[in-house]
N, C-alpha and C. Protein backbone atom coordinates (compact mmCIF):
# COMPACT_ATOMS: atom_id res chain seq x y z
N MET A 1 6.79 17.84 3.01
CA MET A 1 6.51 16.84 2.00
C MET A 1 5.83 17.52 0.82
N SER A 2 6.11 17.01 -0.35
CA SER A 2 5.53 17.58 -1.56
C SER A 2 4.03 17.27 -1.64
N LYS A 3 3.39 17.91 -2.59
CA LYS A 3 1.96 17.67 -2.81
C LYS A 3 1.78 16.29 -3.46
N PRO A 4 0.78 15.52 -3.00
CA PRO A 4 0.57 14.20 -3.61
C PRO A 4 0.10 14.31 -5.06
N PHE A 5 0.51 13.35 -5.90
CA PHE A 5 0.01 13.32 -7.27
C PHE A 5 -1.25 12.46 -7.38
N TYR A 6 -1.60 11.80 -6.29
CA TYR A 6 -2.84 11.01 -6.25
C TYR A 6 -3.33 10.95 -4.81
N GLU A 7 -4.65 11.10 -4.65
CA GLU A 7 -5.30 10.99 -3.35
C GLU A 7 -6.65 10.33 -3.51
N LYS A 8 -6.96 9.42 -2.60
CA LYS A 8 -8.26 8.74 -2.63
C LYS A 8 -8.65 8.43 -1.20
N GLU A 9 -9.91 8.66 -0.87
CA GLU A 9 -10.45 8.30 0.44
C GLU A 9 -11.69 7.45 0.20
N PHE A 10 -11.87 6.40 1.02
CA PHE A 10 -13.00 5.50 0.83
C PHE A 10 -13.41 4.86 2.16
N PRO A 11 -14.65 4.37 2.24
CA PRO A 11 -15.11 3.70 3.47
C PRO A 11 -14.39 2.35 3.64
N SER A 12 -14.32 1.89 4.86
CA SER A 12 -13.60 0.65 5.18
C SER A 12 -14.42 -0.58 4.82
N THR A 13 -14.46 -0.87 3.53
CA THR A 13 -15.05 -2.11 3.04
C THR A 13 -14.07 -2.71 2.03
N VAL A 14 -14.09 -4.02 1.92
CA VAL A 14 -13.21 -4.69 0.97
C VAL A 14 -13.58 -4.30 -0.46
N ALA A 15 -14.86 -4.13 -0.73
CA ALA A 15 -15.29 -3.73 -2.08
C ALA A 15 -14.75 -2.35 -2.44
N ALA A 16 -14.81 -1.41 -1.51
CA ALA A 16 -14.28 -0.06 -1.77
C ALA A 16 -12.77 -0.11 -1.93
N ALA A 17 -12.10 -0.98 -1.17
CA ALA A 17 -10.64 -1.13 -1.31
C ALA A 17 -10.29 -1.68 -2.69
N ALA A 18 -11.09 -2.62 -3.19
CA ALA A 18 -10.84 -3.19 -4.53
C ALA A 18 -10.98 -2.12 -5.60
N ASP A 19 -11.99 -1.26 -5.48
CA ASP A 19 -12.17 -0.17 -6.44
C ASP A 19 -10.99 0.80 -6.37
N ALA A 20 -10.56 1.14 -5.16
CA ALA A 20 -9.44 2.06 -4.97
C ALA A 20 -8.15 1.46 -5.54
N LEU A 21 -7.97 0.15 -5.36
CA LEU A 21 -6.79 -0.52 -5.88
C LEU A 21 -6.72 -0.40 -7.41
N ALA A 22 -7.81 -0.67 -8.09
CA ALA A 22 -7.83 -0.59 -9.56
C ALA A 22 -7.49 0.82 -10.03
N GLU A 23 -8.10 1.81 -9.40
CA GLU A 23 -7.84 3.20 -9.78
C GLU A 23 -6.39 3.59 -9.50
N ALA A 24 -5.87 3.21 -8.35
CA ALA A 24 -4.51 3.56 -7.97
C ALA A 24 -3.48 2.92 -8.91
N LEU A 25 -3.69 1.67 -9.27
CA LEU A 25 -2.77 1.01 -10.20
C LEU A 25 -2.76 1.68 -11.56
N LYS A 26 -3.92 2.14 -12.02
CA LYS A 26 -3.99 2.85 -13.29
C LYS A 26 -3.19 4.15 -13.22
N VAL A 27 -3.32 4.87 -12.11
CA VAL A 27 -2.58 6.12 -11.95
C VAL A 27 -1.07 5.84 -11.95
N LEU A 28 -0.63 4.81 -11.23
CA LEU A 28 0.80 4.47 -11.20
C LEU A 28 1.30 4.09 -12.59
N ALA A 29 0.50 3.35 -13.34
CA ALA A 29 0.89 2.96 -14.70
C ALA A 29 0.94 4.18 -15.62
N ASP A 30 -0.08 5.03 -15.53
CA ASP A 30 -0.14 6.22 -16.39
C ASP A 30 1.05 7.15 -16.15
N ARG A 31 1.58 7.17 -14.94
CA ARG A 31 2.72 8.04 -14.62
C ARG A 31 4.06 7.33 -14.76
N GLY A 32 4.04 6.08 -15.24
CA GLY A 32 5.28 5.35 -15.50
C GLY A 32 5.94 4.72 -14.29
N TRP A 33 5.22 4.57 -13.21
CA TRP A 33 5.78 3.95 -12.01
C TRP A 33 5.72 2.43 -12.04
N ILE A 34 4.76 1.89 -12.77
CA ILE A 34 4.67 0.44 -12.89
C ILE A 34 4.41 0.07 -14.34
N ASN A 35 4.76 -1.15 -14.69
CA ASN A 35 4.47 -1.70 -16.00
C ASN A 35 3.12 -2.40 -15.88
N PRO A 36 2.08 -1.91 -16.54
CA PRO A 36 0.74 -2.47 -16.36
C PRO A 36 0.60 -3.92 -16.81
N SER A 37 1.48 -4.38 -17.69
CA SER A 37 1.37 -5.76 -18.14
C SER A 37 2.07 -6.74 -17.19
N ARG A 38 2.81 -6.20 -16.22
CA ARG A 38 3.53 -7.05 -15.26
C ARG A 38 3.44 -6.42 -13.88
N ASP A 39 2.21 -6.24 -13.39
CA ASP A 39 2.03 -5.47 -12.15
C ASP A 39 1.78 -6.32 -10.91
N PHE A 40 2.17 -7.60 -10.93
CA PHE A 40 1.88 -8.48 -9.81
C PHE A 40 2.41 -7.94 -8.48
N SER A 41 3.69 -7.59 -8.42
CA SER A 41 4.30 -7.15 -7.16
C SER A 41 3.70 -5.86 -6.61
N PRO A 42 3.60 -4.80 -7.42
CA PRO A 42 2.99 -3.58 -6.87
C PRO A 42 1.52 -3.78 -6.53
N ARG A 43 0.80 -4.58 -7.32
CA ARG A 43 -0.61 -4.88 -7.03
C ARG A 43 -0.72 -5.59 -5.68
N LEU A 44 0.12 -6.59 -5.47
CA LEU A 44 0.10 -7.34 -4.22
C LEU A 44 0.38 -6.44 -3.03
N CYS A 45 1.40 -5.60 -3.14
CA CYS A 45 1.76 -4.71 -2.03
C CYS A 45 0.63 -3.74 -1.70
N LEU A 46 0.09 -3.10 -2.72
CA LEU A 46 -0.97 -2.12 -2.49
C LEU A 46 -2.24 -2.81 -1.99
N GLU A 47 -2.58 -3.96 -2.56
CA GLU A 47 -3.76 -4.68 -2.11
C GLU A 47 -3.63 -5.10 -0.64
N GLU A 48 -2.48 -5.62 -0.26
CA GLU A 48 -2.27 -6.03 1.13
C GLU A 48 -2.38 -4.83 2.07
N ALA A 49 -1.79 -3.71 1.68
CA ALA A 49 -1.85 -2.51 2.52
C ALA A 49 -3.29 -2.01 2.67
N LEU A 50 -4.05 -1.98 1.59
CA LEU A 50 -5.43 -1.50 1.65
C LEU A 50 -6.32 -2.45 2.45
N VAL A 51 -6.19 -3.74 2.21
CA VAL A 51 -7.01 -4.71 2.95
C VAL A 51 -6.64 -4.69 4.43
N ASN A 52 -5.35 -4.59 4.74
CA ASN A 52 -4.95 -4.51 6.15
C ASN A 52 -5.53 -3.27 6.82
N ALA A 53 -5.57 -2.15 6.10
CA ALA A 53 -6.14 -0.92 6.66
C ALA A 53 -7.63 -1.12 6.96
N VAL A 54 -8.34 -1.76 6.04
CA VAL A 54 -9.78 -2.00 6.22
C VAL A 54 -10.02 -2.99 7.36
N VAL A 55 -9.35 -4.16 7.28
CA VAL A 55 -9.64 -5.27 8.19
C VAL A 55 -9.00 -5.07 9.57
N HIS A 56 -7.71 -4.79 9.60
CA HIS A 56 -7.00 -4.70 10.88
C HIS A 56 -7.03 -3.30 11.46
N GLY A 57 -6.77 -2.30 10.64
CA GLY A 57 -6.75 -0.92 11.15
C GLY A 57 -8.13 -0.42 11.55
N ASN A 58 -9.10 -0.60 10.67
CA ASN A 58 -10.44 -0.04 10.90
C ASN A 58 -11.48 -1.08 11.26
N ALA A 59 -11.06 -2.31 11.50
CA ALA A 59 -11.95 -3.38 11.99
C ALA A 59 -13.21 -3.53 11.14
N ASN A 60 -13.08 -3.39 9.81
CA ASN A 60 -14.22 -3.55 8.89
C ASN A 60 -15.40 -2.64 9.21
N GLU A 61 -15.14 -1.48 9.78
CA GLU A 61 -16.18 -0.51 10.12
C GLU A 61 -16.35 0.46 8.96
N PRO A 62 -17.43 0.34 8.16
CA PRO A 62 -17.60 1.21 7.00
C PRO A 62 -17.64 2.70 7.35
N SER A 63 -17.95 3.03 8.60
CA SER A 63 -17.97 4.45 8.99
C SER A 63 -16.56 5.01 9.13
N ARG A 64 -15.58 4.15 9.27
CA ARG A 64 -14.19 4.59 9.32
C ARG A 64 -13.66 4.71 7.89
N ARG A 65 -12.66 5.56 7.72
CA ARG A 65 -12.15 5.87 6.39
C ARG A 65 -10.71 5.37 6.20
N VAL A 66 -10.40 5.03 4.97
CA VAL A 66 -9.04 4.71 4.54
C VAL A 66 -8.67 5.76 3.50
N ARG A 67 -7.44 6.24 3.59
CA ARG A 67 -6.95 7.20 2.59
C ARG A 67 -5.66 6.66 1.97
N VAL A 68 -5.48 6.96 0.71
CA VAL A 68 -4.27 6.59 -0.01
C VAL A 68 -3.73 7.85 -0.67
N LYS A 69 -2.42 8.05 -0.56
CA LYS A 69 -1.76 9.17 -1.23
C LYS A 69 -0.47 8.67 -1.86
N PHE A 70 -0.16 9.20 -3.03
CA PHE A 70 1.10 8.91 -3.71
C PHE A 70 1.90 10.20 -3.83
N PHE A 71 3.17 10.11 -3.48
CA PHE A 71 4.09 11.23 -3.60
C PHE A 71 5.26 10.79 -4.46
N GLU A 72 5.82 11.73 -5.22
CA GLU A 72 7.02 11.41 -5.99
C GLU A 72 8.07 12.49 -5.79
N GLU A 73 9.31 12.01 -5.75
CA GLU A 73 10.45 12.91 -5.69
C GLU A 73 11.54 12.28 -6.53
N GLY A 74 11.75 12.85 -7.70
CA GLY A 74 12.72 12.26 -8.62
C GLY A 74 12.28 10.86 -9.03
N ASP A 75 13.14 9.89 -8.81
CA ASP A 75 12.83 8.50 -9.16
C ASP A 75 12.34 7.68 -7.97
N THR A 76 11.83 8.35 -6.96
CA THR A 76 11.30 7.67 -5.78
C THR A 76 9.82 7.97 -5.62
N CYS A 77 9.04 6.93 -5.38
CA CYS A 77 7.61 7.05 -5.15
C CYS A 77 7.31 6.57 -3.74
N LYS A 78 6.51 7.35 -3.01
CA LYS A 78 6.07 6.94 -1.68
C LYS A 78 4.57 6.78 -1.70
N VAL A 79 4.12 5.58 -1.30
CA VAL A 79 2.70 5.26 -1.19
C VAL A 79 2.35 5.29 0.28
N CYS A 80 1.36 6.10 0.64
CA CYS A 80 0.92 6.21 2.03
C CYS A 80 -0.51 5.71 2.15
N VAL A 81 -0.72 4.76 3.05
CA VAL A 81 -2.05 4.21 3.31
C VAL A 81 -2.39 4.53 4.76
N TYR A 82 -3.43 5.35 4.94
CA TYR A 82 -3.84 5.82 6.26
C TYR A 82 -5.11 5.09 6.69
N ASP A 83 -5.19 4.79 7.99
CA ASP A 83 -6.44 4.26 8.53
C ASP A 83 -6.68 4.92 9.89
N GLU A 84 -7.73 4.51 10.56
CA GLU A 84 -8.10 5.11 11.84
C GLU A 84 -7.83 4.17 13.00
N GLY A 85 -6.97 3.17 12.78
CA GLY A 85 -6.64 2.20 13.82
C GLY A 85 -5.55 2.68 14.74
N LYS A 86 -5.14 1.79 15.64
CA LYS A 86 -4.13 2.15 16.64
C LYS A 86 -2.70 2.03 16.14
N GLY A 87 -2.50 1.37 14.99
CA GLY A 87 -1.17 1.25 14.42
C GLY A 87 -0.47 -0.03 14.83
N PHE A 88 0.75 -0.20 14.33
CA PHE A 88 1.54 -1.39 14.62
C PHE A 88 3.00 -1.11 14.32
N ASP A 89 3.88 -1.99 14.78
CA ASP A 89 5.31 -1.86 14.54
C ASP A 89 5.69 -2.75 13.37
N VAL A 90 5.84 -2.18 12.21
CA VAL A 90 6.12 -2.93 10.99
C VAL A 90 7.40 -3.76 11.10
N ASP A 91 8.37 -3.29 11.89
CA ASP A 91 9.64 -4.00 12.02
C ASP A 91 9.52 -5.26 12.86
N ASN A 92 8.47 -5.39 13.65
CA ASN A 92 8.30 -6.56 14.50
C ASN A 92 7.29 -7.56 13.96
N VAL A 93 6.81 -7.36 12.74
CA VAL A 93 5.89 -8.32 12.13
C VAL A 93 6.72 -9.49 11.61
N LYS A 94 6.39 -10.68 12.05
CA LYS A 94 7.11 -11.89 11.66
C LYS A 94 6.29 -12.68 10.64
N MET A 95 6.99 -13.38 9.76
CA MET A 95 6.34 -14.22 8.76
C MET A 95 5.53 -15.30 9.46
N ALA A 96 4.31 -15.52 8.97
CA ALA A 96 3.42 -16.53 9.54
C ALA A 96 3.97 -17.92 9.25
N ASP A 97 3.62 -18.86 10.09
CA ASP A 97 3.96 -20.27 9.89
C ASP A 97 3.34 -20.76 8.58
N CYS A 98 4.01 -21.66 7.88
CA CYS A 98 3.53 -22.14 6.58
C CYS A 98 2.15 -22.79 6.66
N SER A 99 1.80 -23.35 7.80
CA SER A 99 0.50 -24.00 7.94
C SER A 99 -0.61 -23.01 8.30
N GLN A 100 -0.23 -21.77 8.59
CA GLN A 100 -1.19 -20.74 8.99
C GLN A 100 -1.76 -20.05 7.76
N PHE A 101 -3.06 -19.78 7.79
CA PHE A 101 -3.72 -19.05 6.72
C PHE A 101 -3.57 -17.56 6.98
N GLY A 102 -3.08 -16.81 6.01
CA GLY A 102 -2.93 -15.36 6.14
C GLY A 102 -1.70 -14.98 6.95
N GLY A 103 -1.58 -13.67 7.20
CA GLY A 103 -0.51 -13.16 8.04
C GLY A 103 0.79 -12.88 7.33
N ARG A 104 0.79 -12.85 6.00
CA ARG A 104 2.03 -12.66 5.26
C ARG A 104 2.12 -11.30 4.55
N GLY A 105 1.08 -10.51 4.62
CA GLY A 105 1.00 -9.26 3.86
C GLY A 105 2.16 -8.32 4.09
N VAL A 106 2.42 -7.95 5.34
CA VAL A 106 3.48 -6.99 5.63
C VAL A 106 4.84 -7.58 5.26
N CYS A 107 5.02 -8.88 5.49
CA CYS A 107 6.29 -9.52 5.12
C CYS A 107 6.51 -9.44 3.61
N LEU A 108 5.46 -9.66 2.83
CA LEU A 108 5.57 -9.57 1.37
C LEU A 108 5.85 -8.13 0.94
N ILE A 109 5.17 -7.19 1.56
CA ILE A 109 5.41 -5.78 1.23
C ILE A 109 6.87 -5.43 1.49
N ARG A 110 7.40 -5.87 2.63
CA ARG A 110 8.81 -5.58 2.96
C ARG A 110 9.76 -6.21 1.94
N GLU A 111 9.39 -7.35 1.38
CA GLU A 111 10.23 -8.03 0.40
C GLU A 111 10.30 -7.26 -0.92
N PHE A 112 9.18 -6.70 -1.37
CA PHE A 112 9.12 -6.06 -2.69
C PHE A 112 9.47 -4.57 -2.68
N MET A 113 9.23 -3.87 -1.59
CA MET A 113 9.47 -2.44 -1.52
C MET A 113 10.89 -2.13 -1.03
N GLU A 114 11.42 -0.97 -1.42
CA GLU A 114 12.74 -0.56 -0.95
C GLU A 114 12.72 -0.23 0.54
N ASP A 115 11.63 0.37 0.99
CA ASP A 115 11.52 0.74 2.41
C ASP A 115 10.06 0.69 2.81
N VAL A 116 9.82 0.22 4.02
CA VAL A 116 8.47 0.16 4.57
C VAL A 116 8.54 0.60 6.02
N ARG A 117 7.65 1.50 6.40
CA ARG A 117 7.62 1.95 7.80
C ARG A 117 6.21 2.36 8.17
N PHE A 118 5.97 2.38 9.47
CA PHE A 118 4.68 2.85 9.95
C PHE A 118 4.90 4.20 10.61
N ASN A 119 4.20 5.21 10.12
CA ASN A 119 4.26 6.55 10.67
C ASN A 119 3.16 6.64 11.73
N ALA A 120 3.55 6.47 13.00
CA ALA A 120 2.57 6.43 14.10
C ALA A 120 1.83 7.75 14.26
N LYS A 121 2.51 8.85 14.03
CA LYS A 121 1.88 10.16 14.19
C LYS A 121 0.68 10.32 13.25
N ASP A 122 0.85 9.90 12.01
CA ASP A 122 -0.21 10.04 11.01
C ASP A 122 -1.03 8.76 10.81
N ARG A 123 -0.69 7.69 11.56
CA ARG A 123 -1.35 6.38 11.41
C ARG A 123 -1.33 5.96 9.94
N CYS A 124 -0.11 5.86 9.42
CA CYS A 124 0.08 5.66 7.99
C CYS A 124 1.17 4.63 7.72
N LEU A 125 0.86 3.66 6.87
CA LEU A 125 1.88 2.74 6.37
C LEU A 125 2.51 3.40 5.15
N GLU A 126 3.82 3.56 5.18
CA GLU A 126 4.56 4.19 4.09
C GLU A 126 5.36 3.12 3.35
N MET A 127 5.15 3.04 2.06
CA MET A 127 5.87 2.09 1.20
C MET A 127 6.62 2.91 0.15
N ILE A 128 7.91 2.69 0.05
CA ILE A 128 8.74 3.49 -0.84
C ILE A 128 9.42 2.57 -1.86
N PHE A 129 9.36 2.98 -3.13
CA PHE A 129 10.04 2.23 -4.18
C PHE A 129 10.60 3.18 -5.22
N ASN A 130 11.57 2.67 -5.98
CA ASN A 130 12.19 3.44 -7.05
C ASN A 130 11.50 3.14 -8.37
N ARG A 131 11.60 4.07 -9.29
CA ARG A 131 10.93 3.92 -10.59
C ARG A 131 11.32 2.61 -11.28
N LYS A 132 12.57 2.22 -11.23
CA LYS A 132 13.03 1.01 -11.93
C LYS A 132 12.49 -0.27 -11.28
N THR A 133 12.07 -0.20 -10.04
CA THR A 133 11.64 -1.40 -9.33
C THR A 133 10.51 -2.13 -10.04
N PHE A 134 9.46 -1.41 -10.45
CA PHE A 134 8.29 -2.04 -11.03
C PHE A 134 8.02 -1.61 -12.48
N SER A 135 8.82 -0.72 -13.02
CA SER A 135 8.57 -0.28 -14.40
C SER A 135 9.59 -0.88 -15.36
N GLU A 136 10.81 -0.39 -15.34
CA GLU A 136 11.82 -0.84 -16.29
C GLU A 136 12.24 -2.28 -16.03
N ALA A 137 12.36 -2.67 -14.78
CA ALA A 137 12.83 -4.01 -14.44
C ALA A 137 11.84 -5.08 -14.88
N CYS A 138 10.59 -4.70 -15.06
CA CYS A 138 9.56 -5.67 -15.42
C CYS A 138 9.23 -5.65 -16.91
N ALA A 139 9.89 -4.80 -17.65
CA ALA A 139 9.55 -4.65 -19.07
C ALA A 139 9.95 -5.87 -19.88
């Protein structure tokens, strides 16, 4: 794998995830991966992945760490969100019932990204999208 163009590590708190989200979105915008004036979809995907890593992966334990890395190859960007949890099968996550609060994050990520998978070896959620997905298409 190529060298990441962005890396961030932070403690498992929602506040730290919010700070990491803002910084990560700025990096994606600065490199032309997203349109900053229309960033709802990439913001939602990244926010869900970071919050899930904090809450579900690391059980809100500030001593545990979350890492984010961005890789690019041509017109493809891969976002990797690592946590210290046991992992999950992204393909078996089902959409929550409409009356249920929460539980839609991974389903939404799968809807907006070109590819989503869980790398069990590295305990990493991988989200892959093309440059046109959130930059040119949203202009």
